[in-house]
Amino acid sequence: MTALFNFQSLLLVILLTICTSTYAHYVFPGIMDRNKENYLVGPFWKCARVGERLSPYVSIACVVMAGVEFMG
């Protein structure tokens, strides 16, 4: 079943996209800032902003999702 039809998998994909985009923006800030208006890089730049500004909540969500995946 794809992540579009399973809500838990969709949340996991969104959470991993936010975490990966935040790390990529930390390592390569110039590439993402320079191309933030691009239709390909723009959504990842926005995910990086969410990850930077809401990092405590994103980290709590990662821990909760890890527990859910581990238990179930």
N, C-alpha and C. Protein backbone atom coordinates (compact mmCIF):
# COMPACT_ATOMS: atom_id res chain seq x y z
N MET A 1 0.84 -1.17 0.00
CA MET A 1 0.00 0.00 0.00
C MET A 1 0.89 1.25 0.00
N THR A 2 0.55 2.22 -0.80
CA THR A 2 1.38 3.42 -0.90
C THR A 2 1.14 4.34 0.28
N ALA A 3 2.02 5.30 0.42
CA ALA A 3 1.92 6.24 1.54
C ALA A 3 0.73 7.18 1.40
N LEU A 4 0.17 7.30 0.21
CA LEU A 4 -0.97 8.19 0.02
C LEU A 4 -2.24 7.64 0.64
N PHE A 5 -2.36 6.34 0.73
CA PHE A 5 -3.58 5.73 1.22
C PHE A 5 -3.48 5.29 2.68
N ASN A 6 -2.31 5.29 3.23
CA ASN A 6 -2.10 4.92 4.63
C ASN A 6 -1.66 6.17 5.38
N PHE A 7 -2.49 6.64 6.31
CA PHE A 7 -2.24 7.91 6.98
C PHE A 7 -0.95 7.89 7.78
N GLN A 8 -0.65 6.80 8.45
CA GLN A 8 0.58 6.71 9.24
C GLN A 8 1.81 6.78 8.34
N SER A 9 1.76 6.13 7.20
CA SER A 9 2.89 6.18 6.27
C SER A 9 3.03 7.57 5.66
N LEU A 10 1.92 8.23 5.41
CA LEU A 10 1.96 9.60 4.88
C LEU A 10 2.62 10.53 5.89
N LEU A 11 2.25 10.42 7.15
CA LEU A 11 2.88 11.23 8.19
C LEU A 11 4.38 10.94 8.30
N LEU A 12 4.75 9.69 8.16
CA LEU A 12 6.17 9.32 8.22
C LEU A 12 6.94 9.93 7.05
N VAL A 13 6.38 9.89 5.86
CA VAL A 13 7.04 10.47 4.69
C VAL A 13 7.19 11.98 4.85
N ILE A 14 6.15 12.64 5.33
CA ILE A 14 6.22 14.09 5.54
C ILE A 14 7.27 14.43 6.60
N LEU A 15 7.29 13.67 7.68
CA LEU A 15 8.26 13.91 8.75
C LEU A 15 9.70 13.67 8.27
N LEU A 16 9.91 12.63 7.52
CA LEU A 16 11.25 12.37 6.98
C LEU A 16 11.67 13.42 5.95
N THR A 17 10.71 13.92 5.17
CA THR A 17 11.01 14.99 4.22
C THR A 17 11.42 16.26 4.95
N ILE A 18 10.73 16.58 6.02
CA ILE A 18 11.08 17.77 6.81
C ILE A 18 12.47 17.61 7.42
N CYS A 19 12.76 16.46 8.00
CA CYS A 19 14.07 16.24 8.62
C CYS A 19 15.20 16.26 7.60
N THR A 20 14.99 15.61 6.47
CA THR A 20 16.02 15.56 5.44
C THR A 20 16.26 16.93 4.82
N SER A 21 15.19 17.68 4.59
CA SER A 21 15.33 19.02 4.02
C SER A 21 16.04 19.96 4.98
N THR A 22 15.75 19.83 6.26
CA THR A 22 16.42 20.68 7.25
C THR A 22 17.91 20.38 7.31
N TYR A 23 18.26 19.11 7.26
CA TYR A 23 19.67 18.74 7.26
C TYR A 23 20.37 19.21 5.98
N ALA A 24 19.71 19.04 4.85
CA ALA A 24 20.30 19.48 3.58
C ALA A 24 20.48 20.99 3.56
N HIS A 25 19.55 21.72 4.14
CA HIS A 25 19.70 23.18 4.20
C HIS A 25 20.82 23.58 5.16
N TYR A 26 21.03 22.80 6.20
CA TYR A 26 22.13 23.07 7.12
C TYR A 26 23.48 22.83 6.45
N VAL A 27 23.58 21.79 5.64
CA VAL A 27 24.84 21.45 4.99
C VAL A 27 25.10 22.32 3.76
N PHE A 28 24.06 22.55 2.95
CA PHE A 28 24.18 23.32 1.70
C PHE A 28 23.20 24.49 1.70
N PRO A 29 23.43 25.51 2.52
CA PRO A 29 22.44 26.60 2.60
C PRO A 29 22.35 27.43 1.32
N GLY A 30 23.44 27.61 0.64
CA GLY A 30 23.45 28.45 -0.56
C GLY A 30 22.62 27.89 -1.69
N ILE A 31 22.67 26.58 -1.86
CA ILE A 31 21.94 25.95 -2.97
C ILE A 31 20.43 26.10 -2.76
N MET A 32 19.96 25.85 -1.55
CA MET A 32 18.52 25.92 -1.31
C MET A 32 18.02 27.36 -1.27
N ASP A 33 18.80 28.27 -0.71
CA ASP A 33 18.37 29.67 -0.65
C ASP A 33 18.37 30.32 -2.03
N ARG A 34 19.33 29.95 -2.86
CA ARG A 34 19.43 30.52 -4.19
C ARG A 34 18.30 30.04 -5.10
N ASN A 35 17.84 28.81 -4.89
CA ASN A 35 16.83 28.21 -5.77
C ASN A 35 15.47 28.04 -5.09
N LYS A 36 15.15 28.88 -4.11
CA LYS A 36 13.90 28.69 -3.37
C LYS A 36 12.66 28.99 -4.20
N GLU A 37 12.79 29.72 -5.29
CA GLU A 37 11.65 30.00 -6.17
C GLU A 37 11.46 28.92 -7.23
N ASN A 38 12.40 28.00 -7.32
CA ASN A 38 12.33 26.91 -8.29
C ASN A 38 11.21 25.94 -7.89
N TYR A 39 10.50 25.42 -8.87
CA TYR A 39 9.39 24.51 -8.57
C TYR A 39 9.86 23.18 -8.01
N LEU A 40 11.12 22.82 -8.22
CA LEU A 40 11.64 21.55 -7.71
C LEU A 40 12.21 21.71 -6.31
N VAL A 41 12.94 22.77 -6.06
CA VAL A 41 13.61 22.97 -4.78
C VAL A 41 12.71 23.71 -3.79
N GLY A 42 11.74 24.47 -4.27
CA GLY A 42 10.88 25.29 -3.42
C GLY A 42 10.18 24.53 -2.29
N PRO A 43 9.53 23.40 -2.58
CA PRO A 43 8.88 22.66 -1.49
C PRO A 43 9.85 22.15 -0.43
N PHE A 44 11.06 21.77 -0.85
CA PHE A 44 12.05 21.32 0.11
C PHE A 44 12.58 22.48 0.95
N TRP A 45 12.67 23.66 0.35
CA TRP A 45 13.07 24.85 1.10
C TRP A 45 12.02 25.17 2.16
N LYS A 46 10.75 25.03 1.80
CA LYS A 46 9.67 25.28 2.77
C LYS A 46 9.69 24.24 3.88
N CYS A 47 9.96 22.99 3.54
CA CYS A 47 10.08 21.95 4.57
C CYS A 47 11.25 22.24 5.50
N ALA A 48 12.34 22.78 4.94
CA ALA A 48 13.50 23.13 5.77
C ALA A 48 13.15 24.26 6.72
N ARG A 49 12.36 25.22 6.28
CA ARG A 49 11.92 26.30 7.16
C ARG A 49 11.06 25.77 8.30
N VAL A 50 10.16 24.85 7.99
CA VAL A 50 9.33 24.24 9.02
C VAL A 50 10.21 23.50 10.02
N GLY A 51 11.19 22.76 9.52
CA GLY A 51 12.08 22.01 10.41
C GLY A 51 12.94 22.90 11.28
N GLU A 52 13.35 24.06 10.76
CA GLU A 52 14.17 24.97 11.55
C GLU A 52 13.36 25.70 12.60
N ARG A 53 12.18 26.14 12.23
CA ARG A 53 11.37 26.96 13.15
C ARG A 53 10.61 26.13 14.17
N LEU A 54 10.25 24.93 13.82
CA LEU A 54 9.50 24.07 14.73
C LEU A 54 10.31 22.86 15.16
N SER A 55 11.62 23.03 15.31
CA SER A 55 12.48 21.89 15.58
C SER A 55 12.14 21.12 16.86
N PRO A 56 11.72 21.75 17.96
CA PRO A 56 11.36 20.92 19.12
C PRO A 56 10.16 20.02 18.84
N TYR A 57 9.19 20.55 18.13
CA TYR A 57 8.00 19.76 17.82
C TYR A 57 8.30 18.66 16.80
N VAL A 58 9.17 18.97 15.85
CA VAL A 58 9.57 17.96 14.86
C VAL A 58 10.35 16.85 15.54
N SER A 59 11.22 17.18 16.47
CA SER A 59 12.00 16.15 17.15
C SER A 59 11.11 15.28 18.04
N ILE A 60 10.12 15.90 18.69
CA ILE A 60 9.17 15.11 19.48
C ILE A 60 8.37 14.20 18.58
N ALA A 61 7.96 14.72 17.42
CA ALA A 61 7.22 13.89 16.47
C ALA A 61 8.07 12.72 15.96
N CYS A 62 9.37 12.95 15.77
CA CYS A 62 10.27 11.86 15.35
C CYS A 62 10.35 10.78 16.42
N VAL A 63 10.47 11.19 17.66
CA VAL A 63 10.55 10.22 18.75
C VAL A 63 9.24 9.44 18.88
N VAL A 64 8.12 10.13 18.79
CA VAL A 64 6.82 9.46 18.87
C VAL A 64 6.64 8.50 17.70
N MET A 65 7.00 8.94 16.50
CA MET A 65 6.85 8.07 15.33
C MET A 65 7.79 6.85 15.42
N ALA A 66 8.97 7.05 15.96
CA ALA A 66 9.88 5.91 16.15
C ALA A 66 9.30 4.93 17.14
N GLY A 67 8.71 5.43 18.21
CA GLY A 67 8.05 4.53 19.18
C GLY A 67 6.89 3.79 18.58
N VAL A 68 6.09 4.47 17.78
CA VAL A 68 4.94 3.82 17.14
C VAL A 68 5.40 2.75 16.16
N GLU A 69 6.43 3.05 15.39
CA GLU A 69 6.96 2.08 14.42
C GLU A 69 7.60 0.89 15.14
N PHE A 70 8.25 1.17 16.26
CA PHE A 70 8.92 0.11 17.00
C PHE A 70 7.91 -0.82 17.68
N MET A 71 6.88 -0.25 18.25
CA MET A 71 5.87 -1.05 18.96
C MET A 71 4.90 -1.75 18.03
N GLY A 72 4.60 -1.14 16.92
CA GLY A 72 3.57 -1.74 16.07
C GLY A 72 4.11 -2.13 14.78
